[in-house]
Amino acid sequence: MDADESESVSELVDQLPVSYRTALQLQASGMSHDAIAECLRIHPEGVDTILRLAEAKLRRLGQTPD
């Protein structure tokens, strides 16, 4: 990924809701699901759901209109 792509992804991540953005950033930093759950104050079972939703929203934000 070059600098322009990295900046573009960073801008998209900034558009996510705080809980989605935080979950993705914590996962990228290597934190465990249990630690992410604790930071977000959710049940550990909910971390996968938050991450899936965040990734789906990120993909939608990155799509360009035809």
PDB file of N, CA and C in Angstrom:
ATOM      1  N   MET A   1       0.857  -1.171   0.000  1.00  0.00           N
ATOM      2  CA  MET A   1       0.000   0.000   0.000  1.00  0.00           C
ATOM      3  C   MET A   1       0.900   1.229   0.000  1.00  0.00           C
ATOM      4  N   ASP A   2       0.643   2.134  -0.957  1.00  0.00           N
ATOM      5  CA  ASP A   2       1.466   3.328  -1.005  1.00  0.00           C
ATOM      6  C   ASP A   2       0.894   4.408  -0.088  1.00  0.00           C
ATOM      7  N   ALA A   3       1.570   5.545  -0.003  1.00  0.00           N
ATOM      8  CA  ALA A   3       1.188   6.613   0.933  1.00  0.00           C
ATOM      9  C   ALA A   3      -0.201   7.162   0.623  1.00  0.00           C
ATOM     10  N   ASP A   4      -0.532   7.303  -0.666  1.00  0.00           N
ATOM     11  CA  ASP A   4      -1.850   7.820  -1.033  1.00  0.00           C
ATOM     12  C   ASP A   4      -2.964   6.870  -0.614  1.00  0.00           C
ATOM     13  N   GLU A   5      -2.758   5.571  -0.835  1.00  0.00           N
ATOM     14  CA  GLU A   5      -3.752   4.573  -0.427  1.00  0.00           C
ATOM     15  C   GLU A   5      -3.908   4.544   1.080  1.00  0.00           C
ATOM     16  N   SER A   6      -2.801   4.633   1.788  1.00  0.00           N
ATOM     17  CA  SER A   6      -2.822   4.622   3.246  1.00  0.00           C
ATOM     18  C   SER A   6      -3.587   5.826   3.778  1.00  0.00           C
ATOM     19  N   GLU A   7      -3.362   6.982   3.180  1.00  0.00           N
ATOM     20  CA  GLU A   7      -4.064   8.198   3.601  1.00  0.00           C
ATOM     21  C   GLU A   7      -5.548   8.076   3.308  1.00  0.00           C
ATOM     22  N   SER A   8      -5.895   7.500   2.159  1.00  0.00           N
ATOM     23  CA  SER A   8      -7.281   7.328   1.780  1.00  0.00           C
ATOM     24  C   SER A   8      -8.008   6.397   2.764  1.00  0.00           C
ATOM     25  N   VAL A   9      -7.376   5.292   3.119  1.00  0.00           N
ATOM     26  CA  VAL A   9      -7.966   4.362   4.088  1.00  0.00           C
ATOM     27  C   VAL A   9      -8.117   5.049   5.438  1.00  0.00           C
ATOM     28  N   SER A  10      -7.127   5.800   5.833  1.00  0.00           N
ATOM     29  CA  SER A  10      -7.176   6.519   7.107  1.00  0.00           C
ATOM     30  C   SER A  10      -8.344   7.507   7.130  1.00  0.00           C
ATOM     31  N   GLU A  11      -8.564   8.193   6.012  1.00  0.00           N
ATOM     32  CA  GLU A  11      -9.686   9.134   5.925  1.00  0.00           C
ATOM     33  C   GLU A  11     -11.018   8.401   6.022  1.00  0.00           C
ATOM     34  N   LEU A  12     -11.115   7.226   5.410  1.00  0.00           N
ATOM     35  CA  LEU A  12     -12.340   6.442   5.485  1.00  0.00           C
ATOM     36  C   LEU A  12     -12.586   5.954   6.911  1.00  0.00           C
ATOM     37  N   VAL A  13     -11.544   5.484   7.568  1.00  0.00           N
ATOM     38  CA  VAL A  13     -11.664   5.012   8.946  1.00  0.00           C
ATOM     39  C   VAL A  13     -12.155   6.151   9.846  1.00  0.00           C
ATOM     40  N   ASP A  14     -11.697   7.362   9.594  1.00  0.00           N
ATOM     41  CA  ASP A  14     -12.125   8.515  10.386  1.00  0.00           C
ATOM     42  C   ASP A  14     -13.618   8.788  10.252  1.00  0.00           C
ATOM     43  N   GLN A  15     -14.243   8.303   9.188  1.00  0.00           N
ATOM     44  CA  GLN A  15     -15.679   8.510   8.969  1.00  0.00           C
ATOM     45  C   GLN A  15     -16.546   7.480   9.700  1.00  0.00           C
ATOM     46  N   LEU A  16     -15.920   6.438  10.217  1.00  0.00           N
ATOM     47  CA  LEU A  16     -16.672   5.393  10.920  1.00  0.00           C
ATOM     48  C   LEU A  16     -17.158   5.884  12.272  1.00  0.00           C
ATOM     49  N   PRO A  17     -18.249   5.279  12.766  1.00  0.00           N
ATOM     50  CA  PRO A  17     -18.655   5.566  14.144  1.00  0.00           C
ATOM     51  C   PRO A  17     -17.506   5.230  15.105  1.00  0.00           C
ATOM     52  N   VAL A  18     -17.465   5.908  16.222  1.00  0.00           N
ATOM     53  CA  VAL A  18     -16.344   5.773  17.161  1.00  0.00           C
ATOM     54  C   VAL A  18     -16.105   4.325  17.576  1.00  0.00           C
ATOM     55  N   SER A  19     -17.147   3.578  17.887  1.00  0.00           N
ATOM     56  CA  SER A  19     -16.942   2.196  18.350  1.00  0.00           C
ATOM     57  C   SER A  19     -16.342   1.334  17.245  1.00  0.00           C
ATOM     58  N   TYR A  20     -16.771   1.534  16.001  1.00  0.00           N
ATOM     59  CA  TYR A  20     -16.210   0.768  14.882  1.00  0.00           C
ATOM     60  C   TYR A  20     -14.742   1.126  14.682  1.00  0.00           C
ATOM     61  N   ARG A  21     -14.489   2.421  14.655  1.00  0.00           N
ATOM     62  CA  ARG A  21     -13.116   2.908  14.441  1.00  0.00           C
ATOM     63  C   ARG A  21     -12.189   2.393  15.535  1.00  0.00           C
ATOM     64  N   THR A  22     -12.643   2.492  16.772  1.00  0.00           N
ATOM     65  CA  THR A  22     -11.833   2.047  17.901  1.00  0.00           C
ATOM     66  C   THR A  22     -11.549   0.556  17.821  1.00  0.00           C
ATOM     67  N   ALA A  23     -12.579  -0.231  17.513  1.00  0.00           N
ATOM     68  CA  ALA A  23     -12.388  -1.684  17.418  1.00  0.00           C
ATOM     69  C   ALA A  23     -11.360  -2.034  16.350  1.00  0.00           C
ATOM     70  N   LEU A  24     -11.455  -1.400  15.188  1.00  0.00           N
ATOM     71  CA  LEU A  24     -10.494  -1.680  14.117  1.00  0.00           C
ATOM     72  C   LEU A  24      -9.081  -1.268  14.506  1.00  0.00           C
ATOM     73  N   GLN A  25      -8.960  -0.109  15.133  1.00  0.00           N
ATOM     74  CA  GLN A  25      -7.632   0.374  15.530  1.00  0.00           C
ATOM     75  C   GLN A  25      -7.016  -0.521  16.604  1.00  0.00           C
ATOM     76  N   LEU A  26      -7.823  -0.959  17.549  1.00  0.00           N
ATOM     77  CA  LEU A  26      -7.307  -1.835  18.605  1.00  0.00           C
ATOM     78  C   LEU A  26      -6.902  -3.193  18.032  1.00  0.00           C
ATOM     79  N   GLN A  27      -7.704  -3.704  17.104  1.00  0.00           N
ATOM     80  CA  GLN A  27      -7.358  -4.978  16.471  1.00  0.00           C
ATOM     81  C   GLN A  27      -6.050  -4.834  15.689  1.00  0.00           C
ATOM     82  N   ALA A  28      -5.910  -3.737  14.965  1.00  0.00           N
ATOM     83  CA  ALA A  28      -4.697  -3.502  14.163  1.00  0.00           C
ATOM     84  C   ALA A  28      -3.463  -3.370  15.048  1.00  0.00           C
ATOM     85  N   SER A  29      -3.667  -2.918  16.282  1.00  0.00           N
ATOM     86  CA  SER A  29      -2.532  -2.776  17.199  1.00  0.00           C
ATOM     87  C   SER A  29      -2.177  -4.095  17.876  1.00  0.00           C
ATOM     88  N   GLY A  30      -2.971  -5.142  17.591  1.00  0.00           N
ATOM     89  CA  GLY A  30      -2.653  -6.463  18.121  1.00  0.00           C
ATOM     90  C   GLY A  30      -3.369  -6.844  19.403  1.00  0.00           C
ATOM     91  N   MET A  31      -4.346  -6.049  19.819  1.00  0.00           N
ATOM     92  CA  MET A  31      -5.070  -6.370  21.055  1.00  0.00           C
ATOM     93  C   MET A  31      -5.978  -7.575  20.849  1.00  0.00           C
ATOM     94  N   SER A  32      -6.154  -8.333  21.911  1.00  0.00           N
ATOM     95  CA  SER A  32      -7.029  -9.505  21.880  1.00  0.00           C
ATOM     96  C   SER A  32      -8.496  -9.063  21.873  1.00  0.00           C
ATOM     97  N   HIS A  33      -9.360  -9.995  21.493  1.00  0.00           N
ATOM     98  CA  HIS A  33     -10.790  -9.693  21.507  1.00  0.00           C
ATOM     99  C   HIS A  33     -11.265  -9.353  22.918  1.00  0.00           C
ATOM    100  N   ASP A  34     -10.735 -10.034  23.905  1.00  0.00           N
ATOM    101  CA  ASP A  34     -11.125  -9.738  25.290  1.00  0.00           C
ATOM    102  C   ASP A  34     -10.731  -8.321  25.675  1.00  0.00           C
ATOM    103  N   ALA A  35      -9.540  -7.887  25.274  1.00  0.00           N
ATOM    104  CA  ALA A  35      -9.086  -6.536  25.590  1.00  0.00           C
ATOM    105  C   ALA A  35      -9.913  -5.491  24.833  1.00  0.00           C
ATOM    106  N   ILE A  36     -10.242  -5.791  23.585  1.00  0.00           N
ATOM    107  CA  ILE A  36     -11.082  -4.873  22.809  1.00  0.00           C
ATOM    108  C   ILE A  36     -12.456  -4.748  23.469  1.00  0.00           C
ATOM    109  N   ALA A  37     -13.015  -5.871  23.880  1.00  0.00           N
ATOM    110  CA  ALA A  37     -14.315  -5.870  24.554  1.00  0.00           C
ATOM    111  C   ALA A  37     -14.272  -5.016  25.813  1.00  0.00           C
ATOM    112  N   GLU A  38     -13.207  -5.150  26.567  1.00  0.00           N
ATOM    113  CA  GLU A  38     -13.075  -4.364  27.790  1.00  0.00           C
ATOM    114  C   GLU A  38     -13.004  -2.864  27.479  1.00  0.00           C
ATOM    115  N   CYS A  39     -12.243  -2.508  26.475  1.00  0.00           N
ATOM    116  CA  CYS A  39     -12.118  -1.096  26.089  1.00  0.00           C
ATOM    117  C   CYS A  39     -13.446  -0.519  25.609  1.00  0.00           C
ATOM    118  N   LEU A  40     -14.209  -1.333  24.870  1.00  0.00           N
ATOM    119  CA  LEU A  40     -15.487  -0.870  24.329  1.00  0.00           C
ATOM    120  C   LEU A  40     -16.641  -1.060  25.311  1.00  0.00           C
ATOM    121  N   ARG A  41     -16.348  -1.749  26.399  1.00  0.00           N
ATOM    122  CA  ARG A  41     -17.363  -2.048  27.418  1.00  0.00           C
ATOM    123  C   ARG A  41     -18.518  -2.850  26.829  1.00  0.00           C
ATOM    124  N   ILE A  42     -18.132  -3.904  26.084  1.00  0.00           N
ATOM    125  CA  ILE A  42     -19.113  -4.821  25.519  1.00  0.00           C
ATOM    126  C   ILE A  42     -18.700  -6.240  25.894  1.00  0.00           C
ATOM    127  N   HIS A  43     -19.598  -7.197  25.660  1.00  0.00           N
ATOM    128  CA  HIS A  43     -19.267  -8.603  25.899  1.00  0.00           C
ATOM    129  C   HIS A  43     -18.262  -9.051  24.845  1.00  0.00           C
ATOM    130  N   PRO A  44     -17.318  -9.897  25.224  1.00  0.00           N
ATOM    131  CA  PRO A  44     -16.329 -10.377  24.254  1.00  0.00           C
ATOM    132  C   PRO A  44     -16.957 -11.003  23.006  1.00  0.00           C
ATOM    133  N   GLU A  45     -18.120 -11.619  23.163  1.00  0.00           N
ATOM    134  CA  GLU A  45     -18.791 -12.241  22.020  1.00  0.00           C
ATOM    135  C   GLU A  45     -19.219 -11.208  20.988  1.00  0.00           C
ATOM    136  N   GLY A  46     -19.344  -9.959  21.392  1.00  0.00           N
ATOM    137  CA  GLY A  46     -19.781  -8.899  20.486  1.00  0.00           C
ATOM    138  C   GLY A  46     -18.677  -8.298  19.643  1.00  0.00           C
ATOM    139  N   VAL A  47     -17.436  -8.609  19.950  1.00  0.00           N
ATOM    140  CA  VAL A  47     -16.309  -8.004  19.233  1.00  0.00           C
ATOM    141  C   VAL A  47     -16.304  -8.410  17.763  1.00  0.00           C
ATOM    142  N   ASP A  48     -16.525  -9.681  17.477  1.00  0.00           N
ATOM    143  CA  ASP A  48     -16.546 -10.124  16.073  1.00  0.00           C
ATOM    144  C   ASP A  48     -17.634  -9.387  15.289  1.00  0.00           C
ATOM    145  N   THR A  49     -18.776  -9.186  15.905  1.00  0.00           N
ATOM    146  CA  THR A  49     -19.878  -8.485  15.241  1.00  0.00           C
ATOM    147  C   THR A  49     -19.484  -7.040  14.946  1.00  0.00           C
ATOM    148  N   ILE A  50     -18.930  -6.366  15.927  1.00  0.00           N
ATOM    149  CA  ILE A  50     -18.502  -4.972  15.734  1.00  0.00           C
ATOM    150  C   ILE A  50     -17.464  -4.896  14.612  1.00  0.00           C
ATOM    151  N   LEU A  51     -16.505  -5.803  14.603  1.00  0.00           N
ATOM    152  CA  LEU A  51     -15.468  -5.782  13.572  1.00  0.00           C
ATOM    153  C   LEU A  51     -16.053  -6.061  12.187  1.00  0.00           C
ATOM    154  N   ARG A  52     -16.976  -7.009  12.088  1.00  0.00           N
ATOM    155  CA  ARG A  52     -17.613  -7.298  10.794  1.00  0.00           C
ATOM    156  C   ARG A  52     -18.394  -6.089  10.291  1.00  0.00           C
ATOM    157  N   LEU A  53     -19.148  -5.466  11.187  1.00  0.00           N
ATOM    158  CA  LEU A  53     -19.912  -4.284  10.802  1.00  0.00           C
ATOM    159  C   LEU A  53     -18.992  -3.146  10.378  1.00  0.00           C
ATOM    160  N   ALA A  54     -17.911  -2.960  11.121  1.00  0.00           N
ATOM    161  CA  ALA A  54     -16.950  -1.895  10.800  1.00  0.00           C
ATOM    162  C   ALA A  54     -16.324  -2.139   9.431  1.00  0.00           C
ATOM    163  N   GLU A  55     -15.932  -3.366   9.164  1.00  0.00           N
ATOM    164  CA  GLU A  55     -15.311  -3.685   7.876  1.00  0.00           C
ATOM    165  C   GLU A  55     -16.303  -3.514   6.729  1.00  0.00           C
ATOM    166  N   ALA A  56     -17.563  -3.895   6.941  1.00  0.00           N
ATOM    167  CA  ALA A  56     -18.582  -3.738   5.904  1.00  0.00           C
ATOM    168  C   ALA A  56     -18.836  -2.258   5.625  1.00  0.00           C
ATOM    169  N   LYS A  57     -18.932  -1.474   6.674  1.00  0.00           N
ATOM    170  CA  LYS A  57     -19.153  -0.027   6.505  1.00  0.00           C
ATOM    171  C   LYS A  57     -17.958   0.603   5.803  1.00  0.00           C
ATOM    172  N   LEU A  58     -16.765   0.181   6.155  1.00  0.00           N
ATOM    173  CA  LEU A  58     -15.551   0.704   5.529  1.00  0.00           C
ATOM    174  C   LEU A  58     -15.550   0.389   4.028  1.00  0.00           C
ATOM    175  N   ARG A  59     -15.957  -0.824   3.678  1.00  0.00           N
ATOM    176  CA  ARG A  59     -16.045  -1.190   2.258  1.00  0.00           C
ATOM    177  C   ARG A  59     -17.060  -0.311   1.534  1.00  0.00           C
ATOM    178  N   ARG A  60     -18.223  -0.083   2.159  1.00  0.00           N
ATOM    179  CA  ARG A  60     -19.247   0.752   1.531  1.00  0.00           C
ATOM    180  C   ARG A  60     -18.754   2.188   1.356  1.00  0.00           C
ATOM    181  N   LEU A  61     -18.059   2.702   2.353  1.00  0.00           N
ATOM    182  CA  LEU A  61     -17.525   4.062   2.263  1.00  0.00           C
ATOM    183  C   LEU A  61     -16.478   4.183   1.146  1.00  0.00           C
ATOM    184  N   GLY A  62     -15.762   3.101   0.885  1.00  0.00           N
ATOM    185  CA  GLY A  62     -14.713   3.121  -0.119  1.00  0.00           C
ATOM    186  C   GLY A  62     -15.193   2.921  -1.534  1.00  0.00           C
ATOM    187  N   GLN A  63     -16.467   2.565  -1.686  1.00  0.00           N
ATOM    188  CA  GLN A  63     -16.992   2.377  -3.033  1.00  0.00           C
ATOM    189  C   GLN A  63     -17.229   3.726  -3.683  1.00  0.00           C
ATOM    190  N   THR A  64     -16.925   3.800  -4.962  1.00  0.00           N
ATOM    191  CA  THR A  64     -17.143   5.042  -5.691  1.00  0.00           C
ATOM    192  C   THR A  64     -18.429   4.918  -6.490  1.00  0.00           C
ATOM    193  N   PRO A  65     -19.198   5.987  -6.541  1.00  0.00           N
ATOM    194  CA  PRO A  65     -20.444   5.926  -7.332  1.00  0.00           C
ATOM    195  C   PRO A  65     -20.129   5.790  -8.814  1.00  0.00           C
ATOM    196  N   ASP A  66     -20.999   5.095  -9.531  1.00  0.00           N
ATOM    197  CA  ASP A  66     -20.797   4.906 -10.981  1.00  0.00           C
ATOM    198  C   ASP A  66     -21.174   6.148 -11.753  1.00  0.00           C
TER     199      ASP A  66
END
